[in-house]
Amino acid sequence: KSKFKLKRPPHPYVLEPPITSKIEYNHNDELAFNLILIGRGIEYLPYFVFVFEELGKRGLGKGRGKYELVRVDNEEGERIYESGKLSDNFRIKSFQDIINKCNIPENKNYQQLKINFLTPIRIILRGELLTKFDFNLFIINLLRRLSWLSIVHSDEELEFNYKYFISCADDIKIKEENIKWYDWERYSSRQDTRMKLGGFLGDITFEGDLKEFIPFIKLGEYIHIGKQTSFGLGKYEIVGEV
């Protein structure tokens, strides 16, 4: 058990909603979403499937809209759940697997990196929600999240030289920025009110010696960054690298 304590430990899961503007679904429409389980959270896959089944029967939202859980596929597109049956045909992807998938060639310098923020990125520093963004903030939040997830939900803490990476991050500059603030709302049934959860959307291109950061940034595509990651905020993807 970790000797550290957090007021709000990170959840070992991320729910990724579909990236679409569609908000109304009719009878027989399909909605596909991603569920990412982290560390020991993988052990709870059968419980997640059961909960999604039960929620469909009871209904969601104010109107209690009902749905049927049709199927669950793993990342490779292989079926692991259908017609009430869950198989063990799922694959656990390690940090090393993701690094290997990066296939970072020795002769590639990675002097530019373009990142697209797909769902609102909410960065909080000293209790304040930030309205400006740079590479240092990006890396601080990413490494902090990686560290806490490994401490709280893994059998082996992910070790890296935090101070070294933060120091190197100071040298990475913004080459091009096309991000804007987006005020997103969600309805809280617990509080019976609509909550504003604004954040950054758009793309940003960083410039500098980025090679050592690439594996962590690739991993961040899975785990997201910032606040409210458990229901899909903080999702980004690498769309260009030089």
Protein backbone atom coordinates (compact mmCIF):
# COMPACT_ATOMS: atom_id res chain seq x y z
CA LYS A 1 0.00 0.00 0.00
CA SER A 2 1.17 3.48 -0.81
CA LYS A 3 2.41 5.75 1.95
CA PHE A 4 0.94 8.69 0.04
CA LYS A 5 -2.56 9.98 0.53
CA LEU A 6 -4.71 11.91 -1.91
CA LYS A 7 -7.88 13.80 -1.16
CA ARG A 8 -9.35 12.43 -4.40
CA PRO A 9 -7.35 9.49 -5.76
CA PRO A 10 -7.58 9.06 -9.55
CA HIS A 11 -10.13 6.56 -10.82
CA PRO A 12 -8.69 3.46 -12.56
CA TYR A 13 -10.95 3.96 -15.58
CA VAL A 14 -11.71 6.41 -18.37
CA LEU A 15 -15.03 6.54 -20.21
CA GLU A 16 -14.56 7.94 -23.71
CA PRO A 17 -17.80 9.14 -25.31
CA PRO A 18 -18.09 9.24 -29.11
CA ILE A 19 -16.59 12.40 -30.63
CA THR A 20 -19.81 13.65 -32.22
CA SER A 21 -22.22 16.56 -31.95
CA LYS A 22 -25.18 14.18 -31.89
CA ILE A 23 -27.14 14.49 -28.63
CA GLU A 24 -30.41 12.69 -29.46
CA TYR A 25 -30.70 8.97 -30.14
CA ASN A 26 -33.80 7.27 -31.49
CA HIS A 27 -35.00 3.70 -31.27
CA ASN A 28 -32.49 1.28 -32.90
CA ASP A 29 -29.74 3.91 -33.08
CA GLU A 30 -26.32 2.65 -31.94
CA LEU A 31 -23.94 4.51 -29.63
CA ALA A 32 -20.37 3.27 -29.30
CA PHE A 33 -17.99 4.40 -26.58
CA ASN A 34 -14.63 3.34 -25.18
CA LEU A 35 -13.85 2.07 -21.69
CA ILE A 36 -10.20 2.17 -20.62
CA LEU A 37 -9.31 0.25 -17.46
CA ILE A 38 -6.01 0.98 -15.72
CA GLY A 39 -3.93 -1.24 -13.45
CA ARG A 40 -6.02 -3.25 -11.00
CA GLY A 41 -9.11 -1.67 -12.53
CA ILE A 42 -8.83 -4.33 -15.25
CA GLU A 43 -10.02 -6.91 -12.72
CA TYR A 44 -13.39 -5.11 -12.58
CA LEU A 45 -14.26 -5.54 -16.27
CA PRO A 46 -17.10 -8.04 -15.52
CA TYR A 47 -18.60 -5.57 -13.03
CA PHE A 48 -18.48 -2.73 -15.56
CA VAL A 49 -20.27 -4.90 -18.12
CA PHE A 50 -22.91 -5.82 -15.53
CA VAL A 51 -23.41 -2.16 -14.54
CA PHE A 52 -23.82 -1.06 -18.17
CA GLU A 53 -26.38 -3.83 -18.65
CA GLU A 54 -28.36 -2.79 -15.55
CA LEU A 55 -28.21 0.92 -16.41
CA GLY A 56 -29.71 0.08 -19.79
CA LYS A 57 -32.64 -1.68 -18.13
CA ARG A 58 -33.24 1.09 -15.58
CA GLY A 59 -32.71 3.99 -17.95
CA LEU A 60 -30.43 7.03 -18.04
CA GLY A 61 -30.95 10.75 -17.60
CA LYS A 62 -34.03 12.70 -16.62
CA GLY A 63 -36.19 10.86 -19.14
CA ARG A 64 -34.83 7.46 -18.09
CA GLY A 65 -34.01 6.50 -21.66
CA LYS A 66 -33.40 2.76 -21.90
CA TYR A 67 -30.91 0.90 -24.03
CA GLU A 68 -29.49 -2.60 -24.60
CA LEU A 69 -25.81 -3.46 -24.31
CA VAL A 70 -25.25 -5.26 -27.62
CA ARG A 71 -21.56 -6.10 -27.69
CA VAL A 72 -18.10 -5.30 -26.32
CA ASP A 73 -14.95 -5.50 -28.45
CA ASN A 74 -11.33 -5.22 -27.39
CA GLU A 75 -8.96 -2.67 -28.96
CA GLU A 76 -8.11 -5.05 -31.81
CA GLY A 77 -11.81 -5.38 -32.70
CA GLU A 78 -12.18 -8.90 -31.28
CA ARG A 79 -15.53 -9.67 -29.61
CA ILE A 80 -15.34 -10.21 -25.83
CA TYR A 81 -19.01 -9.80 -24.92
CA GLU A 82 -22.23 -10.68 -26.74
CA SER A 83 -25.66 -12.12 -25.83
CA GLY A 84 -24.93 -12.02 -22.10
CA LYS A 85 -21.63 -13.90 -22.36
CA LEU A 86 -18.26 -12.37 -21.45
CA SER A 87 -15.08 -14.08 -22.65
CA ASP A 88 -11.54 -13.62 -21.36
CA ASN A 89 -10.35 -12.66 -24.84
CA PHE A 90 -9.08 -9.26 -23.73
CA ARG A 91 -5.49 -8.11 -23.82
CA ILE A 92 -3.64 -6.12 -21.19
CA LYS A 93 -1.43 -3.43 -22.72
CA SER A 94 1.57 -2.37 -20.65
CA PHE A 95 3.49 0.90 -20.77
CA GLN A 96 6.27 -1.03 -22.51
CA ASP A 97 3.81 -2.31 -25.13
CA ILE A 98 2.82 1.29 -25.89
CA ILE A 99 6.47 2.36 -26.11
CA ASN A 100 7.17 -0.55 -28.49
CA LYS A 101 4.16 0.43 -30.60
CA CYS A 102 5.61 3.95 -30.86
CA ASN A 103 8.51 2.43 -32.80
CA ILE A 104 10.71 5.47 -32.15
CA PRO A 105 13.63 5.34 -34.61
CA GLU A 106 17.03 6.33 -33.26
CA ASN A 107 17.65 8.74 -36.12
CA LYS A 108 14.40 10.67 -35.64
CA ASN A 109 14.79 13.90 -33.71
CA TYR A 110 11.18 14.80 -32.91
CA GLN A 111 11.66 18.56 -33.12
CA GLN A 112 7.95 19.28 -33.66
CA LEU A 113 4.83 17.70 -32.27
CA LYS A 114 1.23 18.61 -33.08
CA ILE A 115 -1.45 17.62 -30.57
CA ASN A 116 -5.21 17.85 -31.05
CA PHE A 117 -7.36 18.26 -27.93
CA LEU A 118 -10.59 16.35 -28.64
CA THR A 119 -12.48 16.90 -25.38
CA PRO A 120 -12.11 19.85 -22.98
CA ILE A 121 -8.76 19.96 -21.15
CA ARG A 122 -9.22 21.34 -17.64
CA ILE A 123 -5.97 22.28 -15.89
CA ILE A 124 -6.14 23.46 -12.29
CA LEU A 125 -3.13 25.05 -10.59
CA ARG A 126 -3.24 26.09 -6.92
CA GLY A 127 -7.01 25.85 -6.95
CA GLU A 128 -7.43 28.02 -10.04
CA LEU A 129 -8.74 26.86 -13.43
CA LEU A 130 -6.14 27.98 -15.98
CA THR A 131 -7.05 29.82 -19.19
CA LYS A 132 -3.52 29.69 -20.67
CA PHE A 133 -1.59 26.64 -21.72
CA ASP A 134 2.04 25.67 -22.45
CA PHE A 135 4.17 22.51 -22.70
CA ASN A 136 5.38 22.75 -19.12
CA LEU A 137 1.82 22.63 -17.78
CA PHE A 138 1.00 19.80 -20.16
CA ILE A 139 3.93 17.64 -19.00
CA ILE A 140 3.51 18.46 -15.29
CA ASN A 141 -0.12 17.30 -15.41
CA LEU A 142 0.64 14.25 -17.53
CA LEU A 143 3.54 13.00 -15.38
CA ARG A 144 1.66 13.69 -12.17
CA ARG A 145 -1.33 11.68 -13.40
CA LEU A 146 0.89 8.81 -14.56
CA SER A 147 2.67 8.78 -11.22
CA TRP A 148 -0.49 8.74 -9.10
CA LEU A 149 -2.17 6.08 -11.24
CA SER A 150 0.85 3.80 -10.83
CA ILE A 151 1.05 4.47 -7.08
CA VAL A 152 -2.66 3.95 -6.37
CA HIS A 153 -3.69 1.31 -8.91
CA SER A 154 -0.56 -0.62 -9.88
CA ASP A 155 1.58 -3.22 -8.15
CA GLU A 156 4.68 -1.44 -9.38
CA GLU A 157 5.23 2.31 -9.20
CA LEU A 158 6.27 3.92 -12.48
CA GLU A 159 9.66 5.50 -11.84
CA PHE A 160 11.16 8.37 -13.80
CA ASN A 161 13.24 11.49 -13.09
CA TYR A 162 10.41 13.97 -12.58
CA LYS A 163 12.68 17.00 -11.99
CA TYR A 164 14.71 16.22 -15.11
CA PHE A 165 11.67 16.09 -17.38
CA ILE A 166 10.15 19.26 -15.91
CA SER A 167 13.46 21.04 -16.42
CA CYS A 168 13.65 19.87 -20.05
CA ALA A 169 10.02 20.91 -20.61
CA ASP A 170 11.00 24.56 -20.00
CA ASP A 171 12.90 24.47 -23.31
CA ILE A 172 9.89 23.37 -25.38
CA LYS A 173 8.12 26.29 -27.04
CA ILE A 174 4.78 26.77 -28.80
CA LYS A 175 5.21 27.09 -32.57
CA GLU A 176 1.54 27.33 -33.52
CA GLU A 177 -1.61 27.48 -31.42
CA ASN A 178 -5.21 27.01 -32.52
CA ILE A 179 -6.92 26.36 -29.21
CA LYS A 180 -10.02 27.99 -27.82
CA TRP A 181 -12.01 27.87 -24.64
CA TYR A 182 -15.12 25.70 -24.77
CA ASP A 183 -17.82 25.87 -22.10
CA TRP A 184 -19.22 22.36 -21.81
CA GLU A 185 -22.15 21.47 -19.55
CA ARG A 186 -23.25 18.24 -17.95
CA TYR A 187 -26.30 17.43 -15.87
CA SER A 188 -25.63 16.14 -12.36
CA SER A 189 -28.48 13.91 -11.18
CA ARG A 190 -26.96 13.86 -7.70
CA GLN A 191 -27.07 17.64 -7.40
CA ASP A 192 -30.05 18.05 -9.78
CA THR A 193 -28.30 20.87 -11.61
CA ARG A 194 -26.29 21.59 -14.73
CA MET A 195 -22.54 21.95 -14.16
CA LYS A 196 -20.21 24.02 -16.34
CA LEU A 197 -17.00 22.17 -17.17
CA GLY A 198 -15.14 24.35 -19.63
CA GLY A 199 -11.69 23.62 -21.03
CA PHE A 200 -9.33 23.89 -24.01
CA LEU A 201 -10.19 22.46 -27.43
CA GLY A 202 -8.24 22.60 -30.69
CA ASP A 203 -4.67 21.90 -31.71
CA ILE A 204 -1.25 23.12 -30.66
CA THR A 205 2.21 22.53 -32.14
CA PHE A 206 5.21 22.31 -29.81
CA GLU A 207 8.81 22.78 -30.93
CA GLY A 208 12.05 21.64 -29.29
CA ASP A 209 13.84 18.48 -28.23
CA LEU A 210 10.74 16.29 -27.74
CA LYS A 211 12.09 12.77 -28.26
CA GLU A 212 12.30 11.74 -24.59
CA PHE A 213 8.74 12.92 -23.97
CA ILE A 214 7.14 10.89 -26.78
CA PRO A 215 6.50 7.61 -24.83
CA PHE A 216 4.77 9.51 -22.01
CA ILE A 217 2.69 11.58 -24.44
CA LYS A 218 1.68 8.39 -26.28
CA LEU A 219 0.57 6.85 -22.99
CA GLY A 220 -1.39 10.02 -22.24
CA GLU A 221 -3.53 9.35 -25.32
CA TYR A 222 -5.00 6.46 -23.31
CA ILE A 223 -5.26 7.96 -19.83
CA HIS A 224 -6.10 11.62 -20.71
CA ILE A 225 -4.94 14.63 -18.67
CA GLY A 226 -6.43 17.30 -16.41
CA LYS A 227 -9.64 17.11 -14.38
CA GLN A 228 -12.77 14.97 -14.90
CA THR A 229 -10.89 12.40 -16.99
CA SER A 230 -13.06 9.54 -15.72
CA PHE A 231 -15.96 10.64 -17.93
CA GLY A 232 -13.94 11.54 -20.99
CA LEU A 233 -12.48 15.01 -20.53
CA GLY A 234 -8.81 15.61 -21.31
CA LYS A 235 -8.66 13.38 -24.40
CA TYR A 236 -6.02 14.25 -26.98
CA GLU A 237 -4.25 12.66 -29.93
CA ILE A 238 -0.94 13.18 -31.69
CA VAL A 239 -1.74 14.28 -35.24
CA GLY A 240 1.73 15.18 -36.50
CA GLU A 241 5.37 14.65 -35.55
CA VAL A 242 8.61 15.71 -37.23
